[in-house]
Amino acid sequence: MSDESAPERVCFLLRVRPDRLAEYRRRHADVWPEMLAALSRAGWRNYSLFLRDDGLLVGYVECGSFQAALDAMQEEEVNARWQGEMAAFFELPDGSAADTALERVAEIFHLD
């Protein structure tokens, strides 16, 4: 079990379709309250998304265990609905979902 005083810090990348950037931004200005609650229950803390104009999406999250946080979200009914709604926004391999196709970026430095 991870120590909550030293959370796992995770950075990940995805790619949003350039023709869907405006709508993707709009959807994240109004994330469903039940999705926010599910993320909190699953241990997602200090969660941020950053989106470049070319579609590069950079995510950052802190949690006790990233794999446990991902697994917990798979148990949330609202996550399946959200992923279904958002799937068309991403450039993904066929049959992939954004929450399982994200590319992790290795942390090499952290200023305490």
PDB file of N, CA and C in Angstrom:
ATOM      1  N   MET A   1       0.838  -1.188   0.000  1.00  0.00           N
ATOM      2  CA  MET A   1       0.000   0.000   0.000  1.00  0.00           C
ATOM      3  C   MET A   1       0.872   1.237   0.000  1.00  0.00           C
ATOM      4  N   SER A   2       0.539   2.237  -0.826  1.00  0.00           N
ATOM      5  CA  SER A   2       1.339   3.441  -0.926  1.00  0.00           C
ATOM      6  C   SER A   2       1.138   4.365   0.254  1.00  0.00           C
ATOM      7  N   ASP A   3       2.171   5.101   0.561  1.00  0.00           N
ATOM      8  CA  ASP A   3       2.143   6.087   1.631  1.00  0.00           C
ATOM      9  C   ASP A   3       1.469   7.353   1.113  1.00  0.00           C
ATOM     10  N   GLU A   4       0.348   7.741   1.716  1.00  0.00           N
ATOM     11  CA  GLU A   4      -0.400   8.923   1.264  1.00  0.00           C
ATOM     12  C   GLU A   4       0.403  10.210   1.417  1.00  0.00           C
ATOM     13  N   SER A   5       1.411  10.243   2.303  1.00  0.00           N
ATOM     14  CA  SER A   5       2.222  11.449   2.453  1.00  0.00           C
ATOM     15  C   SER A   5       3.196  11.596   1.289  1.00  0.00           C
ATOM     16  N   ALA A   6       3.425  10.553   0.527  1.00  0.00           N
ATOM     17  CA  ALA A   6       4.298  10.585  -0.644  1.00  0.00           C
ATOM     18  C   ALA A   6       3.528  10.020  -1.834  1.00  0.00           C
ATOM     19  N   PRO A   7       2.636  10.814  -2.419  1.00  0.00           N
ATOM     20  CA  PRO A   7       1.794  10.288  -3.495  1.00  0.00           C
ATOM     21  C   PRO A   7       2.601   9.969  -4.750  1.00  0.00           C
ATOM     22  N   GLU A   8       2.059   9.055  -5.512  1.00  0.00           N
ATOM     23  CA  GLU A   8       2.613   8.791  -6.834  1.00  0.00           C
ATOM     24  C   GLU A   8       2.196   9.963  -7.724  1.00  0.00           C
ATOM     25  N   ARG A   9       3.165  10.577  -8.369  1.00  0.00           N
ATOM     26  CA  ARG A   9       2.899  11.682  -9.294  1.00  0.00           C
ATOM     27  C   ARG A   9       2.986  11.111 -10.706  1.00  0.00           C
ATOM     28  N   VAL A  10       1.937  11.321 -11.481  1.00  0.00           N
ATOM     29  CA  VAL A  10       1.857  10.722 -12.812  1.00  0.00           C
ATOM     30  C   VAL A  10       1.576  11.798 -13.848  1.00  0.00           C
ATOM     31  N   CYS A  11       2.379  11.782 -14.900  1.00  0.00           N
ATOM     32  CA  CYS A  11       2.146  12.625 -16.075  1.00  0.00           C
ATOM     33  C   CYS A  11       1.836  11.683 -17.226  1.00  0.00           C
ATOM     34  N   PHE A  12       0.858  12.049 -18.039  1.00  0.00           N
ATOM     35  CA  PHE A  12       0.508  11.206 -19.185  1.00  0.00           C
ATOM     36  C   PHE A  12       0.143  12.062 -20.379  1.00  0.00           C
ATOM     37  N   LEU A  13       0.224  11.438 -21.553  1.00  0.00           N
ATOM     38  CA  LEU A  13      -0.057  12.116 -22.816  1.00  0.00           C
ATOM     39  C   LEU A  13      -1.165  11.399 -23.565  1.00  0.00           C
ATOM     40  N   LEU A  14      -1.965  12.177 -24.237  1.00  0.00           N
ATOM     41  CA  LEU A  14      -2.955  11.695 -25.196  1.00  0.00           C
ATOM     42  C   LEU A  14      -2.993  12.703 -26.330  1.00  0.00           C
ATOM     43  N   ARG A  15      -3.699  12.387 -27.393  1.00  0.00           N
ATOM     44  CA  ARG A  15      -3.828  13.323 -28.492  1.00  0.00           C
ATOM     45  C   ARG A  15      -5.303  13.530 -28.804  1.00  0.00           C
ATOM     46  N   VAL A  16      -5.732  14.804 -28.747  1.00  0.00           N
ATOM     47  CA  VAL A  16      -7.104  15.203 -29.079  1.00  0.00           C
ATOM     48  C   VAL A  16      -7.129  15.557 -30.565  1.00  0.00           C
ATOM     49  N   ARG A  17      -8.192  15.158 -31.231  1.00  0.00           N
ATOM     50  CA  ARG A  17      -8.334  15.479 -32.654  1.00  0.00           C
ATOM     51  C   ARG A  17      -8.373  17.002 -32.823  1.00  0.00           C
ATOM     52  N   PRO A  18      -7.539  17.541 -33.699  1.00  0.00           N
ATOM     53  CA  PRO A  18      -7.485  19.002 -33.861  1.00  0.00           C
ATOM     54  C   PRO A  18      -8.832  19.649 -34.181  1.00  0.00           C
ATOM     55  N   ASP A  19      -9.690  18.954 -34.915  1.00  0.00           N
ATOM     56  CA  ASP A  19     -10.993  19.520 -35.267  1.00  0.00           C
ATOM     57  C   ASP A  19     -11.981  19.483 -34.101  1.00  0.00           C
ATOM     58  N   ARG A  20     -11.599  18.896 -32.952  1.00  0.00           N
ATOM     59  CA  ARG A  20     -12.498  18.776 -31.807  1.00  0.00           C
ATOM     60  C   ARG A  20     -12.006  19.563 -30.587  1.00  0.00           C
ATOM     61  N   LEU A  21     -10.946  20.360 -30.739  1.00  0.00           N
ATOM     62  CA  LEU A  21     -10.339  21.050 -29.598  1.00  0.00           C
ATOM     63  C   LEU A  21     -11.307  21.960 -28.852  1.00  0.00           C
ATOM     64  N   ALA A  22     -12.040  22.777 -29.566  1.00  0.00           N
ATOM     65  CA  ALA A  22     -12.943  23.728 -28.920  1.00  0.00           C
ATOM     66  C   ALA A  22     -14.005  22.993 -28.095  1.00  0.00           C
ATOM     67  N   GLU A  23     -14.594  21.967 -28.662  1.00  0.00           N
ATOM     68  CA  GLU A  23     -15.625  21.217 -27.938  1.00  0.00           C
ATOM     69  C   GLU A  23     -15.021  20.452 -26.757  1.00  0.00           C
ATOM     70  N   TYR A  24     -13.819  19.930 -26.911  1.00  0.00           N
ATOM     71  CA  TYR A  24     -13.147  19.229 -25.806  1.00  0.00           C
ATOM     72  C   TYR A  24     -12.925  20.194 -24.642  1.00  0.00           C
ATOM     73  N   ARG A  25     -12.466  21.393 -24.947  1.00  0.00           N
ATOM     74  CA  ARG A  25     -12.282  22.410 -23.894  1.00  0.00           C
ATOM     75  C   ARG A  25     -13.617  22.737 -23.224  1.00  0.00           C
ATOM     76  N   ARG A  26     -14.658  22.909 -24.037  1.00  0.00           N
ATOM     77  CA  ARG A  26     -15.975  23.248 -23.483  1.00  0.00           C
ATOM     78  C   ARG A  26     -16.466  22.150 -22.549  1.00  0.00           C
ATOM     79  N   ARG A  27     -16.316  20.902 -22.934  1.00  0.00           N
ATOM     80  CA  ARG A  27     -16.776  19.796 -22.090  1.00  0.00           C
ATOM     81  C   ARG A  27     -16.055  19.770 -20.755  1.00  0.00           C
ATOM     82  N   HIS A  28     -14.786  20.152 -20.755  1.00  0.00           N
ATOM     83  CA  HIS A  28     -14.027  20.135 -19.497  1.00  0.00           C
ATOM     84  C   HIS A  28     -14.260  21.382 -18.642  1.00  0.00           C
ATOM     85  N   ALA A  29     -14.946  22.342 -19.191  1.00  0.00           N
ATOM     86  CA  ALA A  29     -15.359  23.491 -18.381  1.00  0.00           C
ATOM     87  C   ALA A  29     -16.585  23.136 -17.550  1.00  0.00           C
ATOM     88  N   ASP A  30     -17.206  21.994 -17.866  1.00  0.00           N
ATOM     89  CA  ASP A  30     -18.435  21.581 -17.185  1.00  0.00           C
ATOM     90  C   ASP A  30     -18.454  20.061 -16.994  1.00  0.00           C
ATOM     91  N   VAL A  31     -17.444  19.535 -16.289  1.00  0.00           N
ATOM     92  CA  VAL A  31     -17.379  18.093 -16.035  1.00  0.00           C
ATOM     93  C   VAL A  31     -18.525  17.708 -15.111  1.00  0.00           C
ATOM     94  N   TRP A  32     -19.153  16.576 -15.400  1.00  0.00           N
ATOM     95  CA  TRP A  32     -20.294  16.113 -14.610  1.00  0.00           C
ATOM     96  C   TRP A  32     -19.910  15.993 -13.129  1.00  0.00           C
ATOM     97  N   PRO A  33     -20.757  16.500 -12.242  1.00  0.00           N
ATOM     98  CA  PRO A  33     -20.470  16.382 -10.803  1.00  0.00           C
ATOM     99  C   PRO A  33     -20.271  14.933 -10.357  1.00  0.00           C
ATOM    100  N   GLU A  34     -21.025  13.983 -10.928  1.00  0.00           N
ATOM    101  CA  GLU A  34     -20.865  12.585 -10.537  1.00  0.00           C
ATOM    102  C   GLU A  34     -19.522  12.018 -11.016  1.00  0.00           C
ATOM    103  N   MET A  35     -18.968  12.557 -12.116  1.00  0.00           N
ATOM    104  CA  MET A  35     -17.640  12.140 -12.571  1.00  0.00           C
ATOM    105  C   MET A  35     -16.580  12.691 -11.622  1.00  0.00           C
ATOM    106  N   LEU A  36     -16.727  13.932 -11.211  1.00  0.00           N
ATOM    107  CA  LEU A  36     -15.792  14.524 -10.249  1.00  0.00           C
ATOM    108  C   LEU A  36     -15.795  13.743  -8.938  1.00  0.00           C
ATOM    109  N   ALA A  37     -16.975  13.356  -8.488  1.00  0.00           N
ATOM    110  CA  ALA A  37     -17.094  12.581  -7.249  1.00  0.00           C
ATOM    111  C   ALA A  37     -16.431  11.210  -7.402  1.00  0.00           C
ATOM    112  N   ALA A  38     -16.608  10.575  -8.560  1.00  0.00           N
ATOM    113  CA  ALA A  38     -15.996   9.266  -8.799  1.00  0.00           C
ATOM    114  C   ALA A  38     -14.475   9.365  -8.793  1.00  0.00           C
ATOM    115  N   LEU A  39     -13.930  10.382  -9.434  1.00  0.00           N
ATOM    116  CA  LEU A  39     -12.478  10.579  -9.428  1.00  0.00           C
ATOM    117  C   LEU A  39     -11.963  10.751  -8.002  1.00  0.00           C
ATOM    118  N   SER A  40     -12.678  11.515  -7.228  1.00  0.00           N
ATOM    119  CA  SER A  40     -12.281  11.725  -5.832  1.00  0.00           C
ATOM    120  C   SER A  40     -12.324  10.416  -5.049  1.00  0.00           C
ATOM    121  N   ARG A  41     -13.395   9.646  -5.204  1.00  0.00           N
ATOM    122  CA  ARG A  41     -13.500   8.349  -4.529  1.00  0.00           C
ATOM    123  C   ARG A  41     -12.368   7.412  -4.926  1.00  0.00           C
ATOM    124  N   ALA A  42     -11.945   7.496  -6.176  1.00  0.00           N
ATOM    125  CA  ALA A  42     -10.909   6.609  -6.697  1.00  0.00           C
ATOM    126  C   ALA A  42      -9.499   7.052  -6.314  1.00  0.00           C
ATOM    127  N   GLY A  43      -9.396   8.182  -5.627  1.00  0.00           N
ATOM    128  CA  GLY A  43      -8.095   8.621  -5.136  1.00  0.00           C
ATOM    129  C   GLY A  43      -7.339   9.583  -6.032  1.00  0.00           C
ATOM    130  N   TRP A  44      -7.994  10.124  -7.054  1.00  0.00           N
ATOM    131  CA  TRP A  44      -7.349  11.103  -7.937  1.00  0.00           C
ATOM    132  C   TRP A  44      -7.274  12.446  -7.207  1.00  0.00           C
ATOM    133  N   ARG A  45      -6.074  12.970  -7.050  1.00  0.00           N
ATOM    134  CA  ARG A  45      -5.860  14.254  -6.369  1.00  0.00           C
ATOM    135  C   ARG A  45      -4.998  15.154  -7.251  1.00  0.00           C
ATOM    136  N   ASN A  46      -5.205  16.444  -7.117  1.00  0.00           N
ATOM    137  CA  ASN A  46      -4.385  17.423  -7.839  1.00  0.00           C
ATOM    138  C   ASN A  46      -4.341  17.071  -9.330  1.00  0.00           C
ATOM    139  N   TYR A  47      -5.496  16.724  -9.874  1.00  0.00           N
ATOM    140  CA  TYR A  47      -5.617  16.274 -11.259  1.00  0.00           C
ATOM    141  C   TYR A  47      -5.765  17.482 -12.176  1.00  0.00           C
ATOM    142  N   SER A  48      -4.904  17.559 -13.182  1.00  0.00           N
ATOM    143  CA  SER A  48      -4.928  18.667 -14.139  1.00  0.00           C
ATOM    144  C   SER A  48      -4.765  18.138 -15.548  1.00  0.00           C
ATOM    145  N   LEU A  49      -5.381  18.826 -16.491  1.00  0.00           N
ATOM    146  CA  LEU A  49      -5.198  18.551 -17.912  1.00  0.00           C
ATOM    147  C   LEU A  49      -4.741  19.841 -18.587  1.00  0.00           C
ATOM    148  N   PHE A  50      -3.796  19.704 -19.511  1.00  0.00           N
ATOM    149  CA  PHE A  50      -3.276  20.830 -20.272  1.00  0.00           C
ATOM    150  C   PHE A  50      -3.387  20.460 -21.745  1.00  0.00           C
ATOM    151  N   LEU A  51      -3.880  21.385 -22.566  1.00  0.00           N
ATOM    152  CA  LEU A  51      -4.132  21.074 -23.974  1.00  0.00           C
ATOM    153  C   LEU A  51      -3.458  22.102 -24.872  1.00  0.00           C
ATOM    154  N   ARG A  52      -2.576  21.605 -25.743  1.00  0.00           N
ATOM    155  CA  ARG A  52      -1.913  22.463 -26.709  1.00  0.00           C
ATOM    156  C   ARG A  52      -2.797  22.612 -27.940  1.00  0.00           C
ATOM    157  N   ASP A  53      -2.585  23.682 -28.709  1.00  0.00           N
ATOM    158  CA  ASP A  53      -3.415  23.949 -29.879  1.00  0.00           C
ATOM    159  C   ASP A  53      -3.274  22.907 -30.989  1.00  0.00           C
ATOM    160  N   ASP A  54      -2.217  22.082 -30.951  1.00  0.00           N
ATOM    161  CA  ASP A  54      -2.064  21.026 -31.952  1.00  0.00           C
ATOM    162  C   ASP A  54      -2.714  19.712 -31.499  1.00  0.00           C
ATOM    163  N   GLY A  55      -3.347  19.713 -30.314  1.00  0.00           N
ATOM    164  CA  GLY A  55      -4.058  18.540 -29.835  1.00  0.00           C
ATOM    165  C   GLY A  55      -3.318  17.723 -28.790  1.00  0.00           C
ATOM    166  N   LEU A  56      -2.069  18.074 -28.489  1.00  0.00           N
ATOM    167  CA  LEU A  56      -1.345  17.335 -27.457  1.00  0.00           C
ATOM    168  C   LEU A  56      -1.980  17.621 -26.103  1.00  0.00           C
ATOM    169  N   LEU A  57      -2.424  16.566 -25.434  1.00  0.00           N
ATOM    170  CA  LEU A  57      -3.037  16.667 -24.115  1.00  0.00           C
ATOM    171  C   LEU A  57      -2.046  16.099 -23.099  1.00  0.00           C
ATOM    172  N   VAL A  58      -1.736  16.905 -22.089  1.00  0.00           N
ATOM    173  CA  VAL A  58      -0.846  16.484 -21.014  1.00  0.00           C
ATOM    174  C   VAL A  58      -1.678  16.440 -19.742  1.00  0.00           C
ATOM    175  N   GLY A  59      -1.655  15.291 -19.083  1.00  0.00           N
ATOM    176  CA  GLY A  59      -2.381  15.137 -17.832  1.00  0.00           C
ATOM    177  C   GLY A  59      -1.414  14.951 -16.680  1.00  0.00           C
ATOM    178  N   TYR A  60      -1.826  15.397 -15.506  1.00  0.00           N
ATOM    179  CA  TYR A  60      -1.034  15.222 -14.293  1.00  0.00           C
ATOM    180  C   TYR A  60      -1.989  14.854 -13.169  1.00  0.00           C
ATOM    181  N   VAL A  61      -1.601  13.859 -12.377  1.00  0.00           N
ATOM    182  CA  VAL A  61      -2.423  13.451 -11.244  1.00  0.00           C
ATOM    183  C   VAL A  61      -1.519  12.937 -10.137  1.00  0.00           C
ATOM    184  N   GLU A  62      -1.972  13.105  -8.915  1.00  0.00           N
ATOM    185  CA  GLU A  62      -1.319  12.523  -7.754  1.00  0.00           C
ATOM    186  C   GLU A  62      -2.304  11.545  -7.129  1.00  0.00           C
ATOM    187  N   CYS A  63      -1.784  10.394  -6.701  1.00  0.00           N
ATOM    188  CA  CYS A  63      -2.631   9.369  -6.101  1.00  0.00           C
ATOM    189  C   CYS A  63      -1.749   8.411  -5.307  1.00  0.00           C
ATOM    190  N   GLY A  64      -2.378   7.605  -4.485  1.00  0.00           N
ATOM    191  CA  GLY A  64      -1.613   6.621  -3.733  1.00  0.00           C
ATOM    192  C   GLY A  64      -0.966   5.612  -4.654  1.00  0.00           C
ATOM    193  N   SER A  65      -1.703   5.096  -5.616  1.00  0.00           N
ATOM    194  CA  SER A  65      -1.225   4.149  -6.632  1.00  0.00           C
ATOM    195  C   SER A  65      -2.002   4.449  -7.904  1.00  0.00           C
ATOM    196  N   PHE A  66      -1.292   4.755  -8.960  1.00  0.00           N
ATOM    197  CA  PHE A  66      -1.975   5.084 -10.202  1.00  0.00           C
ATOM    198  C   PHE A  66      -2.774   3.897 -10.728  1.00  0.00           C
ATOM    199  N   GLN A  67      -2.195   2.718 -10.673  1.00  0.00           N
ATOM    200  CA  GLN A  67      -2.922   1.543 -11.154  1.00  0.00           C
ATOM    201  C   GLN A  67      -4.188   1.313 -10.328  1.00  0.00           C
ATOM    202  N   ALA A  68      -4.090   1.480  -9.017  1.00  0.00           N
ATOM    203  CA  ALA A  68      -5.276   1.324  -8.169  1.00  0.00           C
ATOM    204  C   ALA A  68      -6.319   2.394  -8.496  1.00  0.00           C
ATOM    205  N   ALA A  69      -5.878   3.605  -8.782  1.00  0.00           N
ATOM    206  CA  ALA A  69      -6.803   4.689  -9.134  1.00  0.00           C
ATOM    207  C   ALA A  69      -7.495   4.402 -10.467  1.00  0.00           C
ATOM    208  N   LEU A  70      -6.734   3.887 -11.438  1.00  0.00           N
ATOM    209  CA  LEU A  70      -7.334   3.502 -12.719  1.00  0.00           C
ATOM    210  C   LEU A  70      -8.330   2.365 -12.537  1.00  0.00           C
ATOM    211  N   ASP A  71      -7.921   1.362 -11.763  1.00  0.00           N
ATOM    212  CA  ASP A  71      -8.800   0.215 -11.519  1.00  0.00           C
ATOM    213  C   ASP A  71     -10.095   0.643 -10.830  1.00  0.00           C
ATOM    214  N   ALA A  72      -9.982   1.544  -9.860  1.00  0.00           N
ATOM    215  CA  ALA A  72     -11.171   2.024  -9.151  1.00  0.00           C
ATOM    216  C   ALA A  72     -12.124   2.744 -10.107  1.00  0.00           C
ATOM    217  N   MET A  73     -11.579   3.493 -11.057  1.00  0.00           N
ATOM    218  CA  MET A  73     -12.438   4.179 -12.012  1.00  0.00           C
ATOM    219  C   MET A  73     -13.146   3.193 -12.933  1.00  0.00           C
ATOM    220  N   GLN A  74     -12.529   2.056 -13.225  1.00  0.00           N
ATOM    221  CA  GLN A  74     -13.175   1.058 -14.072  1.00  0.00           C
ATOM    222  C   GLN A  74     -14.427   0.498 -13.396  1.00  0.00           C
ATOM    223  N   GLU A  75     -14.506   0.600 -12.086  1.00  0.00           N
ATOM    224  CA  GLU A  75     -15.666   0.113 -11.333  1.00  0.00           C
ATOM    225  C   GLU A  75     -16.800   1.142 -11.269  1.00  0.00           C
ATOM    226  N   GLU A  76     -16.532   2.356 -11.717  1.00  0.00           N
ATOM    227  CA  GLU A  76     -17.520   3.441 -11.648  1.00  0.00           C
ATOM    228  C   GLU A  76     -18.362   3.483 -12.917  1.00  0.00           C
ATOM    229  N   GLU A  77     -19.667   3.354 -12.775  1.00  0.00           N
ATOM    230  CA  GLU A  77     -20.580   3.393 -13.913  1.00  0.00           C
ATOM    231  C   GLU A  77     -20.456   4.711 -14.676  1.00  0.00           C
ATOM    232  N   VAL A  78     -20.280   5.807 -13.969  1.00  0.00           N
ATOM    233  CA  VAL A  78     -20.185   7.112 -14.617  1.00  0.00           C
ATOM    234  C   VAL A  78     -18.948   7.186 -15.512  1.00  0.00           C
ATOM    235  N   ASN A  79     -17.895   6.478 -15.166  1.00  0.00           N
ATOM    236  CA  ASN A  79     -16.687   6.491 -15.985  1.00  0.00           C
ATOM    237  C   ASN A  79     -16.964   5.880 -17.362  1.00  0.00           C
ATOM    238  N   ALA A  80     -17.707   4.794 -17.402  1.00  0.00           N
ATOM    239  CA  ALA A  80     -18.048   4.188 -18.690  1.00  0.00           C
ATOM    240  C   ALA A  80     -18.843   5.166 -19.551  1.00  0.00           C
ATOM    241  N   ARG A  81     -19.780   5.877 -18.944  1.00  0.00           N
ATOM    242  CA  ARG A  81     -20.566   6.874 -19.698  1.00  0.00           C
ATOM    243  C   ARG A  81     -19.679   8.007 -20.189  1.00  0.00           C
ATOM    244  N   TRP A  82     -18.806   8.522 -19.295  1.00  0.00           N
ATOM    245  CA  TRP A  82     -17.919   9.635 -19.662  1.00  0.00           C
ATOM    246  C   TRP A  82     -16.972   9.204 -20.785  1.00  0.00           C
ATOM    247  N   GLN A  83     -16.352   8.034 -20.648  1.00  0.00           N
ATOM    248  CA  GLN A  83     -15.431   7.559 -21.672  1.00  0.00           C
ATOM    249  C   GLN A  83     -16.153   7.381 -23.012  1.00  0.00           C
ATOM    250  N   GLY A  84     -17.381   6.904 -22.963  1.00  0.00           N
ATOM    251  CA  GLY A  84     -18.174   6.770 -24.182  1.00  0.00           C
ATOM    252  C   GLY A  84     -18.433   8.102 -24.849  1.00  0.00           C
ATOM    253  N   GLU A  85     -18.750   9.102 -24.045  1.00  0.00           N
ATOM    254  CA  GLU A  85     -19.007  10.448 -24.566  1.00  0.00           C
ATOM    255  C   GLU A  85     -17.747  11.083 -25.149  1.00  0.00           C
ATOM    256  N   MET A  86     -16.595  10.796 -24.556  1.00  0.00           N
ATOM    257  CA  MET A  86     -15.357  11.474 -24.924  1.00  0.00           C
ATOM    258  C   MET A  86     -14.535  10.736 -25.984  1.00  0.00           C
ATOM    259  N   ALA A  87     -14.858   9.492 -26.276  1.00  0.00           N
ATOM    260  CA  ALA A  87     -14.037   8.670 -27.176  1.00  0.00           C
ATOM    261  C   ALA A  87     -13.780   9.331 -28.529  1.00  0.00           C
ATOM    262  N   ALA A  88     -14.774   9.978 -29.096  1.00  0.00           N
ATOM    263  CA  ALA A  88     -14.640  10.570 -30.427  1.00  0.00           C
ATOM    264  C   ALA A  88     -13.687  11.761 -30.461  1.00  0.00           C
ATOM    265  N   PHE A  89     -13.292  12.263 -29.306  1.00  0.00           N
ATOM    266  CA  PHE A  89     -12.387  13.411 -29.252  1.00  0.00           C
ATOM    267  C   PHE A  89     -10.923  13.020 -29.437  1.00  0.00           C
ATOM    268  N   PHE A  90     -10.591  11.748 -29.264  1.00  0.00           N
ATOM    269  CA  PHE A  90      -9.202  11.323 -29.226  1.00  0.00           C
ATOM    270  C   PHE A  90      -8.757  10.597 -30.481  1.00  0.00           C
ATOM    271  N   GLU A  91      -7.462  10.730 -30.773  1.00  0.00           N
ATOM    272  CA  GLU A  91      -6.803   9.924 -31.789  1.00  0.00           C
ATOM    273  C   GLU A  91      -6.271   8.700 -31.055  1.00  0.00           C
ATOM    274  N   LEU A  92      -6.934   7.560 -31.222  1.00  0.00           N
ATOM    275  CA  LEU A  92      -6.604   6.337 -30.491  1.00  0.00           C
ATOM    276  C   LEU A  92      -6.533   5.152 -31.435  1.00  0.00           C
ATOM    277  N   PRO A  93      -5.754   4.143 -31.055  1.00  0.00           N
ATOM    278  CA  PRO A  93      -5.800   2.894 -31.829  1.00  0.00           C
ATOM    279  C   PRO A  93      -7.218   2.325 -31.784  1.00  0.00           C
ATOM    280  N   ASP A  94      -7.621   1.628 -32.828  1.00  0.00           N
ATOM    281  CA  ASP A  94      -8.962   1.046 -32.888  1.00  0.00           C
ATOM    282  C   ASP A  94      -9.257   0.209 -31.648  1.00  0.00           C
ATOM    283  N   GLY A  95     -10.431   0.420 -31.089  1.00  0.00           N
ATOM    284  CA  GLY A  95     -10.873  -0.344 -29.937  1.00  0.00           C
ATOM    285  C   GLY A  95     -10.332   0.129 -28.603  1.00  0.00           C
ATOM    286  N   SER A  96      -9.496   1.161 -28.616  1.00  0.00           N
ATOM    287  CA  SER A  96      -8.921   1.663 -27.364  1.00  0.00           C
ATOM    288  C   SER A  96      -9.809   2.717 -26.732  1.00  0.00           C
ATOM    289  N   ALA A  97      -9.656   2.865 -25.435  1.00  0.00           N
ATOM    290  CA  ALA A  97     -10.314   3.938 -24.692  1.00  0.00           C
ATOM    291  C   ALA A  97      -9.223   4.848 -24.138  1.00  0.00           C
ATOM    292  N   ALA A  98      -9.523   6.133 -24.039  1.00  0.00           N
ATOM    293  CA  ALA A  98      -8.522   7.098 -23.587  1.00  0.00           C
ATOM    294  C   ALA A  98      -7.943   6.737 -22.234  1.00  0.00           C
ATOM    295  N   ASP A  99      -8.786   6.259 -21.328  1.00  0.00           N
ATOM    296  CA  ASP A  99      -8.295   5.980 -19.974  1.00  0.00           C
ATOM    297  C   ASP A  99      -7.438   4.725 -19.885  1.00  0.00           C
ATOM    298  N   THR A 100      -7.361   3.958 -20.979  1.00  0.00           N
ATOM    299  CA  THR A 100      -6.480   2.787 -20.987  1.00  0.00           C
ATOM    300  C   THR A 100      -5.353   2.928 -22.007  1.00  0.00           C
ATOM    301  N   ALA A 101      -5.419   3.931 -22.884  1.00  0.00           N
ATOM    302  CA  ALA A 101      -4.417   4.110 -23.931  1.00  0.00           C
ATOM    303  C   ALA A 101      -3.444   5.250 -23.635  1.00  0.00           C
ATOM    304  N   LEU A 102      -3.576   5.864 -22.488  1.00  0.00           N
ATOM    305  CA  LEU A 102      -2.701   7.000 -22.202  1.00  0.00           C
ATOM    306  C   LEU A 102      -1.249   6.567 -22.108  1.00  0.00           C
ATOM    307  N   GLU A 103      -0.365   7.466 -22.509  1.00  0.00           N
ATOM    308  CA  GLU A 103       1.071   7.197 -22.496  1.00  0.00           C
ATOM    309  C   GLU A 103       1.695   7.892 -21.287  1.00  0.00           C
ATOM    310  N   ARG A 104       2.228   7.110 -20.372  1.00  0.00           N
ATOM    311  CA  ARG A 104       2.872   7.687 -19.188  1.00  0.00           C
ATOM    312  C   ARG A 104       4.217   8.288 -19.556  1.00  0.00           C
ATOM    313  N   VAL A 105       4.545   9.391 -18.872  1.00  0.00           N
ATOM    314  CA  VAL A 105       5.824  10.061 -19.044  1.00  0.00           C
ATOM    315  C   VAL A 105       6.592   9.909 -17.740  1.00  0.00           C
ATOM    316  N   ALA A 106       7.831   9.467 -17.813  1.00  0.00           N
ATOM    317  CA  ALA A 106       8.642   9.238 -16.625  1.00  0.00           C
ATOM    318  C   ALA A 106       9.019  10.546 -15.940  1.00  0.00           C
ATOM    319  N   GLU A 107       8.859  10.572 -14.628  1.00  0.00           N
ATOM    320  CA  GLU A 107       9.305  11.724 -13.841  1.00  0.00           C
ATOM    321  C   GLU A 107      10.805  11.590 -13.629  1.00  0.00           C
ATOM    322  N   ILE A 108      11.538  12.663 -13.902  1.00  0.00           N
ATOM    323  CA  ILE A 108      12.977  12.621 -13.687  1.00  0.00           C
ATOM    324  C   ILE A 108      13.450  13.646 -12.658  1.00  0.00           C
ATOM    325  N   PHE A 109      12.563  14.560 -12.250  1.00  0.00           N
ATOM    326  CA  PHE A 109      12.921  15.555 -11.240  1.00  0.00           C
ATOM    327  C   PHE A 109      11.659  16.070 -10.586  1.00  0.00           C
ATOM    328  N   HIS A 110      11.763  16.348  -9.294  1.00  0.00           N
ATOM    329  CA  HIS A 110      10.674  16.961  -8.561  1.00  0.00           C
ATOM    330  C   HIS A 110      11.264  17.872  -7.498  1.00  0.00           C
ATOM    331  N   LEU A 111      10.847  19.125  -7.462  1.00  0.00           N
ATOM    332  CA  LEU A 111      11.291  20.090  -6.452  1.00  0.00           C
ATOM    333  C   LEU A 111      10.334  20.036  -5.288  1.00  0.00           C
ATOM    334  N   ASP A 112      10.796  19.590  -4.157  1.00  0.00           N
ATOM    335  CA  ASP A 112       9.937  19.519  -2.953  1.00  0.00           C
ATOM    336  C   ASP A 112       9.671  20.882  -2.399  1.00  0.00           C
TER     337      ASP A 112
END
